[in-house]
Amino acid sequence: MTRPVNLRQARKQRARDEKRAQGDANAAKYGEAKHARAARRAEDERTGRAHEAHKRDD
């Protein structure tokens, strides 16, 4: 015979798992370190300037 499942505990565990997954997604989306973010922005700005410098003046 299978083991009985407490539905209240199962519901709470599922909610915890969903919150954990949402937190992990947010960490991946917004969790960039300040120095890494600054370096990425500087690189983006540099490449943007290089791109603008090579545009044609038609």
C-alpha atoms as a PDB file:
ATOM      1  CA  MET A   1       0.000   0.000   0.000  1.00  0.00           C
ATOM      2  CA  THR A   2       1.222   3.510  -0.744  1.00  0.00           C
ATOM      3  CA  ARG A   3       2.116   6.031   1.880  1.00  0.00           C
ATOM      4  CA  PRO A   4      -0.609   8.557   2.802  1.00  0.00           C
ATOM      5  CA  VAL A   5       0.048  12.136   1.713  1.00  0.00           C
ATOM      6  CA  ASN A   6      -0.821  15.134   3.836  1.00  0.00           C
ATOM      7  CA  LEU A   7      -2.443  17.458   1.271  1.00  0.00           C
ATOM      8  CA  ARG A   8      -1.778  20.581   3.323  1.00  0.00           C
ATOM      9  CA  GLN A   9       1.942  19.844   3.454  1.00  0.00           C
ATOM     10  CA  ALA A  10       2.025  18.958  -0.247  1.00  0.00           C
ATOM     11  CA  ARG A  11       0.300  22.238  -1.137  1.00  0.00           C
ATOM     12  CA  LYS A  12       2.720  24.258   0.985  1.00  0.00           C
ATOM     13  CA  GLN A  13       5.730  22.463  -0.476  1.00  0.00           C
ATOM     14  CA  ARG A  14       4.506  23.118  -4.022  1.00  0.00           C
ATOM     15  CA  ALA A  15       4.064  26.819  -3.159  1.00  0.00           C
ATOM     16  CA  ARG A  16       7.598  26.925  -1.733  1.00  0.00           C
ATOM     17  CA  ASP A  17       8.977  25.294  -4.872  1.00  0.00           C
ATOM     18  CA  GLU A  18       7.173  27.818  -7.096  1.00  0.00           C
ATOM     19  CA  LYS A  19       8.503  30.745  -5.036  1.00  0.00           C
ATOM     20  CA  ARG A  20      12.011  29.300  -5.239  1.00  0.00           C
ATOM     21  CA  ALA A  21      11.735  28.969  -9.028  1.00  0.00           C
ATOM     22  CA  GLN A  22      10.483  32.558  -9.312  1.00  0.00           C
ATOM     23  CA  GLY A  23      13.333  33.778  -7.106  1.00  0.00           C
ATOM     24  CA  ASP A  24      15.887  31.921  -9.197  1.00  0.00           C
ATOM     25  CA  ALA A  25      14.442  33.456 -12.360  1.00  0.00           C
ATOM     26  CA  ASN A  26      14.625  36.941 -10.828  1.00  0.00           C
ATOM     27  CA  ALA A  27      18.199  36.348  -9.686  1.00  0.00           C
ATOM     28  CA  ALA A  28      19.182  35.363 -13.204  1.00  0.00           C
ATOM     29  CA  LYS A  29      17.395  38.368 -14.663  1.00  0.00           C
ATOM     30  CA  TYR A  30      18.388  41.102 -12.186  1.00  0.00           C
ATOM     31  CA  GLY A  31      21.201  39.610 -10.127  1.00  0.00           C
ATOM     32  CA  GLU A  32      24.209  41.064 -11.920  1.00  0.00           C
ATOM     33  CA  ALA A  33      27.011  42.374  -9.702  1.00  0.00           C
ATOM     34  CA  LYS A  34      27.593  46.114  -9.725  1.00  0.00           C
ATOM     35  CA  HIS A  35      31.108  45.929 -11.206  1.00  0.00           C
ATOM     36  CA  ALA A  36      29.959  43.484 -13.895  1.00  0.00           C
ATOM     37  CA  ARG A  37      26.984  45.709 -14.723  1.00  0.00           C
ATOM     38  CA  ALA A  38      29.262  48.775 -14.999  1.00  0.00           C
ATOM     39  CA  ALA A  39      31.708  46.887 -17.227  1.00  0.00           C
ATOM     40  CA  ARG A  40      28.888  45.667 -19.481  1.00  0.00           C
ATOM     41  CA  ARG A  41      27.450  49.178 -19.774  1.00  0.00           C
ATOM     42  CA  ALA A  42      30.875  50.622 -20.611  1.00  0.00           C
ATOM     43  CA  GLU A  43      31.381  47.972 -23.284  1.00  0.00           C
ATOM     44  CA  ASP A  44      27.915  48.638 -24.723  1.00  0.00           C
ATOM     45  CA  GLU A  45      28.620  52.359 -24.829  1.00  0.00           C
ATOM     46  CA  ARG A  46      32.001  51.810 -26.508  1.00  0.00           C
ATOM     47  CA  THR A  47      30.537  49.549 -29.179  1.00  0.00           C
ATOM     48  CA  GLY A  48      27.692  52.009 -29.703  1.00  0.00           C
ATOM     49  CA  ARG A  49      30.130  54.847 -30.305  1.00  0.00           C
ATOM     50  CA  ALA A  50      32.129  52.687 -32.721  1.00  0.00           C
ATOM     51  CA  HIS A  51      28.946  51.810 -34.570  1.00  0.00           C
ATOM     52  CA  GLU A  52      27.873  55.454 -34.814  1.00  0.00           C
ATOM     53  CA  ALA A  53      31.343  56.452 -36.057  1.00  0.00           C
ATOM     54  CA  HIS A  54      31.060  54.100 -39.021  1.00  0.00           C
ATOM     55  CA  LYS A  55      27.651  55.289 -40.228  1.00  0.00           C
ATOM     56  CA  ARG A  56      27.400  56.860 -43.646  1.00  0.00           C
ATOM     57  CA  ASP A  57      26.387  60.506 -43.993  1.00  0.00           C
ATOM     58  CA  ASP A  58      23.834  60.062 -46.791  1.00  0.00           C
END
